[in-house]
Amino acid sequence: MSLHRHNPAELSPPTGFSHAVTATGSRLVFLAGQTSLDRDGKIVGETLPEQFETALANLLAALRHAGGTPADLARVTIYATDVADYRHHAHELGLIWRRLAGRDYPAMAVIGVVRLWDDRAHVELDGFAVLE
């Protein structure tokens, strides 16, 4: 399996994402949306960074269980109930991402939503990975 990140010089330099990712491999892993649910199905964390860390850890746990690693992520979509708050915490969220997932960034998007399934959730992440 190989992922190649494409960041053309004619586009704005990416910060915490890649503009495009090409993938070769034989297995796709589609990752369901993950919020900051604990094992008991309760939202943990009050702030967006706290919830982002748990949601990302949950996404990576599902990926690991399917046989993948963070470097296998080709695409991640982040749904945020407050995009201004997400932007305000962007640096801190980037540090959390790098600590848990490293610096091989997938193609990413942040989408503002009115609310998530659990009304206490501030953020949800989903995505897909390509495995060998």
C-alpha atoms as a PDB file:
ATOM      1  CA  MET A   1       0.000   0.000   0.000  1.00  0.00           C
ATOM      2  CA  SER A   2       1.157   3.482  -0.654  1.00  0.00           C
ATOM      3  CA  LEU A   3      -0.306   6.904  -0.113  1.00  0.00           C
ATOM      4  CA  HIS A   4       1.137   9.893  -1.883  1.00  0.00           C
ATOM      5  CA  ARG A   5       0.260  13.364  -0.648  1.00  0.00           C
ATOM      6  CA  HIS A   6      -0.079  16.077  -3.297  1.00  0.00           C
ATOM      7  CA  ASN A   7       0.368  19.711  -2.328  1.00  0.00           C
ATOM      8  CA  PRO A   8       0.807  21.750  -5.535  1.00  0.00           C
ATOM      9  CA  ALA A   9       2.865  24.919  -5.336  1.00  0.00           C
ATOM     10  CA  GLU A  10       0.087  26.914  -7.018  1.00  0.00           C
ATOM     11  CA  LEU A  11      -2.254  26.280  -4.062  1.00  0.00           C
ATOM     12  CA  SER A  12      -2.068  27.853  -0.634  1.00  0.00           C
ATOM     13  CA  PRO A  13       0.365  25.881   1.568  1.00  0.00           C
ATOM     14  CA  PRO A  14      -1.646  23.322   3.561  1.00  0.00           C
ATOM     15  CA  THR A  15      -1.630  23.542   7.320  1.00  0.00           C
ATOM     16  CA  GLY A  16      -2.626  20.295   8.996  1.00  0.00           C
ATOM     17  CA  PHE A  17      -3.984  18.613   5.864  1.00  0.00           C
ATOM     18  CA  SER A  18      -2.998  17.554   2.342  1.00  0.00           C
ATOM     19  CA  HIS A  19      -4.716  18.970  -0.747  1.00  0.00           C
ATOM     20  CA  ALA A  20      -4.982  15.546  -2.384  1.00  0.00           C
ATOM     21  CA  VAL A  21      -3.987  11.980  -1.616  1.00  0.00           C
ATOM     22  CA  THR A  22      -3.576   9.187  -4.130  1.00  0.00           C
ATOM     23  CA  ALA A  23      -3.719   5.649  -2.812  1.00  0.00           C
ATOM     24  CA  THR A  24      -2.840   2.213  -4.032  1.00  0.00           C
ATOM     25  CA  GLY A  25      -3.728  -0.827  -2.039  1.00  0.00           C
ATOM     26  CA  SER A  26      -6.146  -3.668  -1.881  1.00  0.00           C
ATOM     27  CA  ARG A  27      -8.337  -2.895   1.129  1.00  0.00           C
ATOM     28  CA  LEU A  28     -10.428   0.157   1.959  1.00  0.00           C
ATOM     29  CA  VAL A  29     -11.465   0.840   5.531  1.00  0.00           C
ATOM     30  CA  PHE A  30     -14.474   3.123   5.908  1.00  0.00           C
ATOM     31  CA  LEU A  31     -14.491   4.658   9.374  1.00  0.00           C
ATOM     32  CA  ALA A  32     -17.817   5.583  10.952  1.00  0.00           C
ATOM     33  CA  GLY A  33     -18.238   8.964  12.569  1.00  0.00           C
ATOM     34  CA  GLN A  34     -16.696   9.087  16.030  1.00  0.00           C
ATOM     35  CA  THR A  35     -17.517  11.568  18.746  1.00  0.00           C
ATOM     36  CA  SER A  36     -16.107  11.697  22.271  1.00  0.00           C
ATOM     37  CA  LEU A  37     -18.152   8.765  23.528  1.00  0.00           C
ATOM     38  CA  ASP A  38     -16.622   6.678  26.287  1.00  0.00           C
ATOM     39  CA  ARG A  39     -17.116   2.903  26.676  1.00  0.00           C
ATOM     40  CA  ASP A  40     -20.466   3.538  28.372  1.00  0.00           C
ATOM     41  CA  GLY A  41     -21.763   5.602  25.444  1.00  0.00           C
ATOM     42  CA  LYS A  42     -21.525   8.919  27.260  1.00  0.00           C
ATOM     43  CA  ILE A  43     -19.943  12.094  25.853  1.00  0.00           C
ATOM     44  CA  VAL A  44     -16.788  13.000  27.788  1.00  0.00           C
ATOM     45  CA  GLY A  45     -15.063  16.371  27.774  1.00  0.00           C
ATOM     46  CA  GLU A  46     -16.628  19.783  27.908  1.00  0.00           C
ATOM     47  CA  THR A  47     -14.389  21.733  25.546  1.00  0.00           C
ATOM     48  CA  LEU A  48     -13.870  21.223  21.838  1.00  0.00           C
ATOM     49  CA  PRO A  49     -10.180  20.234  22.283  1.00  0.00           C
ATOM     50  CA  GLU A  50     -11.084  17.665  24.958  1.00  0.00           C
ATOM     51  CA  GLN A  51     -13.775  16.183  22.756  1.00  0.00           C
ATOM     52  CA  PHE A  52     -11.558  16.307  19.632  1.00  0.00           C
ATOM     53  CA  GLU A  53      -8.854  14.295  21.395  1.00  0.00           C
ATOM     54  CA  THR A  54     -11.296  11.572  22.446  1.00  0.00           C
ATOM     55  CA  ALA A  55     -13.057  11.498  19.056  1.00  0.00           C
ATOM     56  CA  LEU A  56      -9.714  11.189  17.232  1.00  0.00           C
ATOM     57  CA  ALA A  57      -8.570   8.471  19.647  1.00  0.00           C
ATOM     58  CA  ASN A  58     -11.843   6.613  18.977  1.00  0.00           C
ATOM     59  CA  LEU A  59     -11.368   6.919  15.201  1.00  0.00           C
ATOM     60  CA  LEU A  60      -7.789   5.633  15.466  1.00  0.00           C
ATOM     61  CA  ALA A  61      -8.893   2.746  17.715  1.00  0.00           C
ATOM     62  CA  ALA A  62     -11.388   1.636  15.052  1.00  0.00           C
ATOM     63  CA  LEU A  63      -8.679   1.972  12.400  1.00  0.00           C
ATOM     64  CA  ARG A  64      -6.178  -0.071  14.449  1.00  0.00           C
ATOM     65  CA  HIS A  65      -8.790  -2.782  14.997  1.00  0.00           C
ATOM     66  CA  ALA A  66      -9.210  -2.981  11.198  1.00  0.00           C
ATOM     67  CA  GLY A  67      -5.435  -3.414  10.833  1.00  0.00           C
ATOM     68  CA  GLY A  68      -4.459   0.153   9.940  1.00  0.00           C
ATOM     69  CA  THR A  69      -2.323   2.948  11.311  1.00  0.00           C
ATOM     70  CA  PRO A  70      -2.751   6.733  11.198  1.00  0.00           C
ATOM     71  CA  ALA A  71      -0.392   6.842   8.167  1.00  0.00           C
ATOM     72  CA  ASP A  72      -3.010   4.793   6.241  1.00  0.00           C
ATOM     73  CA  LEU A  73      -5.643   7.521   6.511  1.00  0.00           C
ATOM     74  CA  ALA A  74      -6.493   8.893   3.069  1.00  0.00           C
ATOM     75  CA  ARG A  75      -9.417  11.143   4.046  1.00  0.00           C
ATOM     76  CA  VAL A  76     -10.870  12.547   7.275  1.00  0.00           C
ATOM     77  CA  THR A  77     -13.911  14.793   7.557  1.00  0.00           C
ATOM     78  CA  ILE A  78     -14.438  16.799  10.722  1.00  0.00           C
ATOM     79  CA  TYR A  79     -17.928  17.985  11.607  1.00  0.00           C
ATOM     80  CA  ALA A  80     -17.953  20.863  14.088  1.00  0.00           C
ATOM     81  CA  THR A  81     -20.930  22.536  15.735  1.00  0.00           C
ATOM     82  CA  ASP A  82     -18.967  25.803  16.028  1.00  0.00           C
ATOM     83  CA  VAL A  83     -16.461  26.421  13.242  1.00  0.00           C
ATOM     84  CA  ALA A  84     -15.306  29.691  14.825  1.00  0.00           C
ATOM     85  CA  ASP A  85     -14.421  27.770  18.004  1.00  0.00           C
ATOM     86  CA  TYR A  86     -12.652  25.146  15.870  1.00  0.00           C
ATOM     87  CA  ARG A  87     -10.583  27.874  14.188  1.00  0.00           C
ATOM     88  CA  HIS A  88      -9.859  29.474  17.571  1.00  0.00           C
ATOM     89  CA  HIS A  89      -8.430  26.161  18.832  1.00  0.00           C
ATOM     90  CA  ALA A  90      -6.766  25.162  15.531  1.00  0.00           C
ATOM     91  CA  HIS A  91      -3.217  25.252  16.917  1.00  0.00           C
ATOM     92  CA  GLU A  92      -4.142  23.139  19.949  1.00  0.00           C
ATOM     93  CA  LEU A  93      -6.098  20.709  17.754  1.00  0.00           C
ATOM     94  CA  GLY A  94      -3.064  20.421  15.466  1.00  0.00           C
ATOM     95  CA  LEU A  95      -0.893  19.487  18.453  1.00  0.00           C
ATOM     96  CA  ILE A  96      -3.415  16.825  19.473  1.00  0.00           C
ATOM     97  CA  TRP A  97      -3.484  15.464  15.900  1.00  0.00           C
ATOM     98  CA  ARG A  98       0.311  15.275  15.677  1.00  0.00           C
ATOM     99  CA  ARG A  99       0.594  13.580  19.099  1.00  0.00           C
ATOM    100  CA  LEU A 100      -1.983  10.912  18.243  1.00  0.00           C
ATOM    101  CA  ALA A 101      -1.715  10.563  14.458  1.00  0.00           C
ATOM    102  CA  GLY A 102       1.651  11.999  13.410  1.00  0.00           C
ATOM    103  CA  ARG A 103       2.481  14.328  10.543  1.00  0.00           C
ATOM    104  CA  ASP A 104       1.242  12.312   7.547  1.00  0.00           C
ATOM    105  CA  TYR A 105      -1.897  14.333   6.982  1.00  0.00           C
ATOM    106  CA  PRO A 106      -4.805  12.942   4.976  1.00  0.00           C
ATOM    107  CA  ALA A 107      -7.038  15.013   2.734  1.00  0.00           C
ATOM    108  CA  MET A 108      -9.304  16.786   5.220  1.00  0.00           C
ATOM    109  CA  ALA A 109     -12.311  19.059   5.479  1.00  0.00           C
ATOM    110  CA  VAL A 110     -14.017  20.795   8.382  1.00  0.00           C
ATOM    111  CA  ILE A 111     -17.767  21.148   7.939  1.00  0.00           C
ATOM    112  CA  GLY A 112     -19.992  23.237  10.182  1.00  0.00           C
ATOM    113  CA  VAL A 113     -23.151  21.490  11.349  1.00  0.00           C
ATOM    114  CA  VAL A 114     -26.123  22.649  13.396  1.00  0.00           C
ATOM    115  CA  ARG A 115     -25.812  19.730  15.792  1.00  0.00           C
ATOM    116  CA  LEU A 116     -24.589  16.160  16.035  1.00  0.00           C
ATOM    117  CA  TRP A 117     -26.447  12.988  17.043  1.00  0.00           C
ATOM    118  CA  ASP A 118     -25.688  13.589  20.726  1.00  0.00           C
ATOM    119  CA  ASP A 119     -26.522  17.206  21.492  1.00  0.00           C
ATOM    120  CA  ARG A 120     -23.575  17.437  23.933  1.00  0.00           C
ATOM    121  CA  ALA A 121     -21.076  16.593  21.154  1.00  0.00           C
ATOM    122  CA  HIS A 122     -19.068  19.460  19.681  1.00  0.00           C
ATOM    123  CA  VAL A 123     -17.143  17.480  17.058  1.00  0.00           C
ATOM    124  CA  GLU A 124     -17.302  14.256  15.047  1.00  0.00           C
ATOM    125  CA  LEU A 125     -14.666  12.684  12.782  1.00  0.00           C
ATOM    126  CA  ASP A 126     -15.085  10.104  10.042  1.00  0.00           C
ATOM    127  CA  GLY A 127     -12.893   8.987   7.174  1.00  0.00           C
ATOM    128  CA  PHE A 128     -11.387   6.197   5.195  1.00  0.00           C
ATOM    129  CA  ALA A 129      -8.032   4.485   4.993  1.00  0.00           C
ATOM    130  CA  VAL A 130      -6.297   2.343   2.382  1.00  0.00           C
ATOM    131  CA  LEU A 131      -4.501  -0.803   3.551  1.00  0.00           C
ATOM    132  CA  GLU A 132      -2.268  -3.216   1.698  1.00  0.00           C
END
